[in-house]
Amino acid sequence: MKTNPQINQLINILKEKSYQEQAPLWKDLARRLSKPTRQQAEVNISRINRHTTEDETVLVPGKVLGSGTLDHKVQVAALDFSQTAVEKIISAGGKCLDITLLLDENPKGSGVRIIE
């Protein structure tokens, strides 16, 4: 069990939304977020750049780090962002989103790619 109450609340919201919307993406994300912190994803900008195309929506169940370059516009939703990651995503024309914001914008979770 996680000790951070915000993450626990987010996991419960994701499970509920998955059930309501029949969207397995949110249940998968809840499962990934409930893993121990040591096993949580840390994804560099370079990996996001490699595995995405223009205007894609990416979900990182962990932290986005600023190593590498981003040469196209993407929306990135994550638990946390490093300062350099935010700067690089915004300078490429993309957006940094909170997971709950993505959940509100896209309740079905369609067209969202999870990168770990």
N, C-alpha and C. Protein backbone atom coordinates (compact mmCIF):
# COMPACT_ATOMS: atom_id res chain seq x y z
N MET A 1 0.84 -1.20 0.00
CA MET A 1 0.00 0.00 0.00
C MET A 1 0.88 1.24 0.00
N LYS A 2 0.53 2.19 -0.83
CA LYS A 2 1.27 3.45 -0.93
C LYS A 2 1.00 4.31 0.31
N THR A 3 1.99 5.12 0.69
CA THR A 3 1.81 5.99 1.84
C THR A 3 1.36 7.39 1.42
N ASN A 4 1.54 7.74 0.14
CA ASN A 4 1.13 9.06 -0.34
C ASN A 4 -0.39 9.05 -0.57
N PRO A 5 -1.14 9.86 0.20
CA PRO A 5 -2.60 9.84 0.07
C PRO A 5 -3.10 10.31 -1.29
N GLN A 6 -2.36 11.22 -1.95
CA GLN A 6 -2.79 11.69 -3.28
C GLN A 6 -2.72 10.56 -4.31
N ILE A 7 -1.66 9.75 -4.24
CA ILE A 7 -1.53 8.63 -5.18
C ILE A 7 -2.60 7.58 -4.90
N ASN A 8 -2.88 7.31 -3.63
CA ASN A 8 -3.94 6.36 -3.29
C ASN A 8 -5.30 6.84 -3.81
N GLN A 9 -5.56 8.13 -3.66
CA GLN A 9 -6.81 8.70 -4.14
C GLN A 9 -6.88 8.60 -5.67
N LEU A 10 -5.77 8.90 -6.35
CA LEU A 10 -5.71 8.81 -7.80
C LEU A 10 -5.97 7.37 -8.27
N ILE A 11 -5.37 6.39 -7.59
CA ILE A 11 -5.56 4.98 -7.94
C ILE A 11 -7.04 4.60 -7.83
N ASN A 12 -7.71 5.05 -6.75
CA ASN A 12 -9.13 4.77 -6.57
C ASN A 12 -9.99 5.43 -7.64
N ILE A 13 -9.65 6.68 -8.00
CA ILE A 13 -10.39 7.39 -9.05
C ILE A 13 -10.23 6.66 -10.38
N LEU A 14 -9.00 6.21 -10.67
CA LEU A 14 -8.73 5.50 -11.93
C LEU A 14 -9.52 4.20 -12.02
N LYS A 15 -9.56 3.44 -10.92
CA LYS A 15 -10.31 2.17 -10.91
C LYS A 15 -11.79 2.42 -11.14
N GLU A 16 -12.32 3.46 -10.48
CA GLU A 16 -13.73 3.80 -10.61
C GLU A 16 -14.06 4.22 -12.04
N LYS A 17 -13.20 5.06 -12.62
CA LYS A 17 -13.41 5.56 -13.98
C LYS A 17 -13.32 4.42 -14.99
N SER A 18 -12.41 3.48 -14.75
CA SER A 18 -12.26 2.32 -15.62
C SER A 18 -13.55 1.50 -15.65
N TYR A 19 -14.14 1.34 -14.48
CA TYR A 19 -15.39 0.58 -14.37
C TYR A 19 -16.55 1.32 -15.05
N GLN A 20 -16.64 2.63 -14.79
CA GLN A 20 -17.74 3.43 -15.35
C GLN A 20 -17.68 3.51 -16.87
N GLU A 21 -16.48 3.74 -17.41
CA GLU A 21 -16.32 3.99 -18.84
C GLU A 21 -15.98 2.74 -19.63
N GLN A 22 -15.86 1.59 -18.95
CA GLN A 22 -15.43 0.36 -19.62
C GLN A 22 -14.10 0.58 -20.35
N ALA A 23 -13.18 1.29 -19.69
CA ALA A 23 -11.89 1.65 -20.29
C ALA A 23 -10.77 0.94 -19.54
N PRO A 24 -10.22 -0.14 -20.12
CA PRO A 24 -9.18 -0.92 -19.43
C PRO A 24 -7.87 -0.13 -19.23
N LEU A 25 -7.68 0.95 -19.98
CA LEU A 25 -6.46 1.76 -19.85
C LEU A 25 -6.29 2.27 -18.42
N TRP A 26 -7.37 2.76 -17.82
CA TRP A 26 -7.29 3.36 -16.48
C TRP A 26 -7.00 2.30 -15.41
N LYS A 27 -7.54 1.09 -15.60
CA LYS A 27 -7.29 0.01 -14.65
C LYS A 27 -5.81 -0.41 -14.72
N ASP A 28 -5.29 -0.47 -15.95
CA ASP A 28 -3.88 -0.80 -16.17
C ASP A 28 -2.98 0.25 -15.51
N LEU A 29 -3.34 1.52 -15.68
CA LEU A 29 -2.57 2.60 -15.07
C LEU A 29 -2.62 2.52 -13.54
N ALA A 30 -3.78 2.22 -12.98
CA ALA A 30 -3.93 2.08 -11.52
C ALA A 30 -3.01 0.97 -11.01
N ARG A 31 -2.96 -0.14 -11.75
CA ARG A 31 -2.10 -1.27 -11.37
C ARG A 31 -0.62 -0.84 -11.39
N ARG A 32 -0.24 -0.11 -12.44
CA ARG A 32 1.16 0.34 -12.55
C ARG A 32 1.53 1.34 -11.46
N LEU A 33 0.58 2.21 -11.10
CA LEU A 33 0.85 3.21 -10.06
C LEU A 33 0.91 2.59 -8.66
N SER A 34 0.30 1.43 -8.46
CA SER A 34 0.32 0.83 -7.14
C SER A 34 1.58 0.00 -6.89
N LYS A 35 2.47 -0.06 -7.89
CA LYS A 35 3.76 -0.74 -7.70
C LYS A 35 4.62 0.05 -6.72
N PRO A 36 5.61 -0.59 -6.11
CA PRO A 36 6.51 0.15 -5.22
C PRO A 36 7.20 1.31 -5.95
N THR A 37 7.51 2.36 -5.23
CA THR A 37 8.12 3.55 -5.81
C THR A 37 9.43 3.23 -6.53
N ARG A 38 10.18 2.27 -6.02
CA ARG A 38 11.44 1.90 -6.67
C ARG A 38 11.23 1.34 -8.07
N GLN A 39 10.06 0.76 -8.30
CA GLN A 39 9.76 0.18 -9.62
C GLN A 39 8.97 1.13 -10.51
N GLN A 40 8.77 2.36 -10.04
CA GLN A 40 7.99 3.30 -10.81
C GLN A 40 8.78 3.79 -12.02
N ALA A 41 8.06 4.10 -13.08
CA ALA A 41 8.69 4.49 -14.34
C ALA A 41 9.41 5.83 -14.21
N GLU A 42 10.59 5.90 -14.80
CA GLU A 42 11.29 7.16 -15.01
C GLU A 42 11.64 7.20 -16.48
N VAL A 43 10.98 8.08 -17.21
CA VAL A 43 11.12 8.10 -18.66
C VAL A 43 11.78 9.40 -19.10
N ASN A 44 12.82 9.27 -19.93
CA ASN A 44 13.50 10.43 -20.47
C ASN A 44 12.77 10.96 -21.71
N ILE A 45 12.98 12.25 -21.98
CA ILE A 45 12.42 12.91 -23.16
C ILE A 45 12.83 12.16 -24.43
N SER A 46 14.06 11.65 -24.47
CA SER A 46 14.55 10.94 -25.66
C SER A 46 13.69 9.71 -25.98
N ARG A 47 13.24 8.99 -24.95
CA ARG A 47 12.39 7.81 -25.18
C ARG A 47 11.02 8.23 -25.71
N ILE A 48 10.46 9.31 -25.16
CA ILE A 48 9.18 9.81 -25.65
C ILE A 48 9.32 10.22 -27.11
N ASN A 49 10.43 10.87 -27.45
CA ASN A 49 10.68 11.30 -28.82
C ASN A 49 10.76 10.10 -29.77
N ARG A 50 11.42 9.04 -29.32
CA ARG A 50 11.63 7.84 -30.15
C ARG A 50 10.34 7.08 -30.42
N HIS A 51 9.45 7.02 -29.43
CA HIS A 51 8.28 6.14 -29.53
C HIS A 51 6.96 6.87 -29.84
N THR A 52 7.02 8.14 -30.22
CA THR A 52 5.78 8.87 -30.50
C THR A 52 5.85 9.57 -31.85
N THR A 53 4.67 10.00 -32.30
CA THR A 53 4.58 10.81 -33.51
C THR A 53 3.94 12.15 -33.14
N GLU A 54 3.88 13.06 -34.10
CA GLU A 54 3.31 14.39 -33.90
C GLU A 54 1.90 14.32 -33.32
N ASP A 55 1.60 15.19 -32.35
CA ASP A 55 0.27 15.33 -31.74
C ASP A 55 -0.25 14.11 -31.00
N GLU A 56 0.63 13.20 -30.59
CA GLU A 56 0.20 12.01 -29.86
C GLU A 56 0.06 12.34 -28.37
N THR A 57 -0.75 11.56 -27.66
CA THR A 57 -0.90 11.72 -26.22
C THR A 57 -0.20 10.55 -25.52
N VAL A 58 0.70 10.89 -24.60
CA VAL A 58 1.51 9.89 -23.91
C VAL A 58 1.22 9.95 -22.43
N LEU A 59 1.20 8.78 -21.80
CA LEU A 59 0.95 8.69 -20.36
C LEU A 59 2.13 7.99 -19.71
N VAL A 60 2.72 8.64 -18.72
CA VAL A 60 3.86 8.05 -18.01
C VAL A 60 3.45 7.80 -16.56
N PRO A 61 3.39 6.52 -16.14
CA PRO A 61 3.01 6.22 -14.75
C PRO A 61 4.18 6.42 -13.80
N GLY A 62 4.73 7.61 -13.79
CA GLY A 62 5.89 7.92 -12.97
C GLY A 62 6.37 9.32 -13.29
N LYS A 63 7.69 9.48 -13.40
CA LYS A 63 8.28 10.79 -13.60
C LYS A 63 8.89 10.92 -14.99
N VAL A 64 8.74 12.09 -15.60
CA VAL A 64 9.37 12.38 -16.88
C VAL A 64 10.64 13.18 -16.60
N LEU A 65 11.77 12.68 -17.11
CA LEU A 65 13.06 13.33 -16.91
C LEU A 65 13.51 14.04 -18.19
N GLY A 66 14.41 15.01 -18.05
CA GLY A 66 14.74 15.90 -19.16
C GLY A 66 15.88 15.51 -20.05
N SER A 67 16.38 14.30 -19.98
CA SER A 67 17.52 13.92 -20.81
C SER A 67 17.09 13.64 -22.26
N GLY A 68 17.81 14.21 -23.21
CA GLY A 68 17.50 14.00 -24.62
C GLY A 68 16.80 15.19 -25.23
N THR A 69 16.36 15.03 -26.48
CA THR A 69 15.67 16.12 -27.18
C THR A 69 14.31 15.64 -27.68
N LEU A 70 13.43 16.61 -27.89
CA LEU A 70 12.09 16.34 -28.40
C LEU A 70 11.91 17.19 -29.64
N ASP A 71 11.65 16.55 -30.80
CA ASP A 71 11.57 17.33 -32.04
C ASP A 71 10.16 17.40 -32.63
N HIS A 72 9.14 17.00 -31.86
CA HIS A 72 7.77 17.15 -32.32
C HIS A 72 6.84 17.40 -31.13
N LYS A 73 5.61 17.85 -31.47
CA LYS A 73 4.65 18.25 -30.46
C LYS A 73 3.91 17.03 -29.90
N VAL A 74 3.94 16.84 -28.58
CA VAL A 74 3.20 15.76 -27.92
C VAL A 74 2.58 16.28 -26.62
N GLN A 75 1.48 15.64 -26.23
CA GLN A 75 0.89 15.90 -24.91
C GLN A 75 1.38 14.80 -23.99
N VAL A 76 1.95 15.20 -22.86
CA VAL A 76 2.48 14.20 -21.92
C VAL A 76 1.75 14.36 -20.59
N ALA A 77 1.16 13.26 -20.12
CA ALA A 77 0.53 13.23 -18.81
C ALA A 77 1.39 12.34 -17.92
N ALA A 78 1.71 12.80 -16.72
CA ALA A 78 2.56 12.02 -15.82
C ALA A 78 2.28 12.40 -14.38
N LEU A 79 2.82 11.57 -13.46
CA LEU A 79 2.72 11.88 -12.04
C LEU A 79 3.57 13.10 -11.70
N ASP A 80 4.75 13.18 -12.33
CA ASP A 80 5.69 14.25 -12.00
C ASP A 80 6.58 14.54 -13.20
N PHE A 81 7.08 15.76 -13.28
CA PHE A 81 7.98 16.18 -14.35
C PHE A 81 9.19 16.87 -13.74
N SER A 82 10.37 16.64 -14.32
CA SER A 82 11.53 17.44 -13.90
C SER A 82 11.40 18.79 -14.60
N GLN A 83 12.09 19.81 -14.08
CA GLN A 83 11.99 21.16 -14.64
C GLN A 83 12.46 21.19 -16.09
N THR A 84 13.57 20.49 -16.41
CA THR A 84 14.08 20.50 -17.78
C THR A 84 13.12 19.77 -18.73
N ALA A 85 12.45 18.73 -18.25
CA ALA A 85 11.48 18.01 -19.09
C ALA A 85 10.33 18.94 -19.47
N VAL A 86 9.83 19.71 -18.51
CA VAL A 86 8.74 20.65 -18.77
C VAL A 86 9.18 21.66 -19.82
N GLU A 87 10.38 22.21 -19.66
CA GLU A 87 10.89 23.21 -20.60
C GLU A 87 11.00 22.64 -22.01
N LYS A 88 11.52 21.41 -22.14
CA LYS A 88 11.71 20.80 -23.46
C LYS A 88 10.38 20.46 -24.12
N ILE A 89 9.41 19.95 -23.36
CA ILE A 89 8.10 19.61 -23.92
C ILE A 89 7.39 20.87 -24.42
N ILE A 90 7.42 21.93 -23.61
CA ILE A 90 6.76 23.18 -23.99
C ILE A 90 7.46 23.85 -25.16
N SER A 91 8.79 23.83 -25.19
CA SER A 91 9.51 24.47 -26.30
C SER A 91 9.29 23.73 -27.61
N ALA A 92 8.93 22.43 -27.55
CA ALA A 92 8.62 21.67 -28.77
C ALA A 92 7.16 21.88 -29.18
N GLY A 93 6.42 22.67 -28.41
CA GLY A 93 5.02 22.96 -28.74
C GLY A 93 4.03 22.02 -28.06
N GLY A 94 4.52 21.18 -27.17
CA GLY A 94 3.65 20.20 -26.50
C GLY A 94 3.05 20.73 -25.21
N LYS A 95 2.37 19.83 -24.50
CA LYS A 95 1.74 20.19 -23.23
C LYS A 95 2.07 19.16 -22.17
N CYS A 96 2.23 19.63 -20.93
CA CYS A 96 2.42 18.76 -19.77
C CYS A 96 1.10 18.73 -19.01
N LEU A 97 0.55 17.53 -18.82
CA LEU A 97 -0.74 17.41 -18.16
C LEU A 97 -0.62 16.60 -16.87
N ASP A 98 -1.53 16.88 -15.97
CA ASP A 98 -1.70 16.07 -14.78
C ASP A 98 -2.56 14.86 -15.21
N ILE A 99 -2.39 13.71 -14.57
CA ILE A 99 -3.14 12.51 -14.96
C ILE A 99 -4.64 12.74 -14.79
N THR A 100 -5.06 13.45 -13.73
CA THR A 100 -6.49 13.69 -13.51
C THR A 100 -7.07 14.59 -14.61
N LEU A 101 -6.26 15.51 -15.12
CA LEU A 101 -6.71 16.39 -16.21
C LEU A 101 -6.94 15.57 -17.48
N LEU A 102 -6.03 14.64 -17.77
CA LEU A 102 -6.20 13.76 -18.94
C LEU A 102 -7.44 12.89 -18.76
N LEU A 103 -7.68 12.43 -17.54
CA LEU A 103 -8.85 11.61 -17.23
C LEU A 103 -10.14 12.37 -17.52
N ASP A 104 -10.17 13.67 -17.18
CA ASP A 104 -11.35 14.50 -17.44
C ASP A 104 -11.52 14.78 -18.94
N GLU A 105 -10.40 15.06 -19.64
CA GLU A 105 -10.44 15.39 -21.06
C GLU A 105 -10.78 14.18 -21.92
N ASN A 106 -10.31 13.00 -21.51
CA ASN A 106 -10.43 11.80 -22.33
C ASN A 106 -10.88 10.62 -21.46
N PRO A 107 -12.15 10.61 -21.02
CA PRO A 107 -12.59 9.56 -20.08
C PRO A 107 -12.49 8.14 -20.64
N LYS A 108 -12.61 7.97 -21.93
CA LYS A 108 -12.50 6.63 -22.54
C LYS A 108 -11.04 6.19 -22.68
N GLY A 109 -10.10 7.14 -22.61
CA GLY A 109 -8.69 6.81 -22.73
C GLY A 109 -8.29 6.43 -24.15
N SER A 110 -9.04 6.90 -25.14
CA SER A 110 -8.74 6.51 -26.52
C SER A 110 -7.54 7.29 -27.07
N GLY A 111 -6.69 6.60 -27.79
CA GLY A 111 -5.53 7.23 -28.42
C GLY A 111 -4.42 7.59 -27.47
N VAL A 112 -4.43 7.02 -26.27
CA VAL A 112 -3.40 7.32 -25.29
C VAL A 112 -2.40 6.16 -25.25
N ARG A 113 -1.10 6.49 -25.31
CA ARG A 113 -0.07 5.47 -25.27
C ARG A 113 0.66 5.55 -23.93
N ILE A 114 0.81 4.40 -23.26
CA ILE A 114 1.55 4.37 -22.00
C ILE A 114 3.01 4.04 -22.31
N ILE A 115 3.91 4.86 -21.79
CA ILE A 115 5.35 4.62 -21.97
C ILE A 115 5.97 4.47 -20.59
N GLU A 116 6.72 3.36 -20.41
CA GLU A 116 7.40 3.12 -19.14
C GLU A 116 8.88 3.00 -19.37
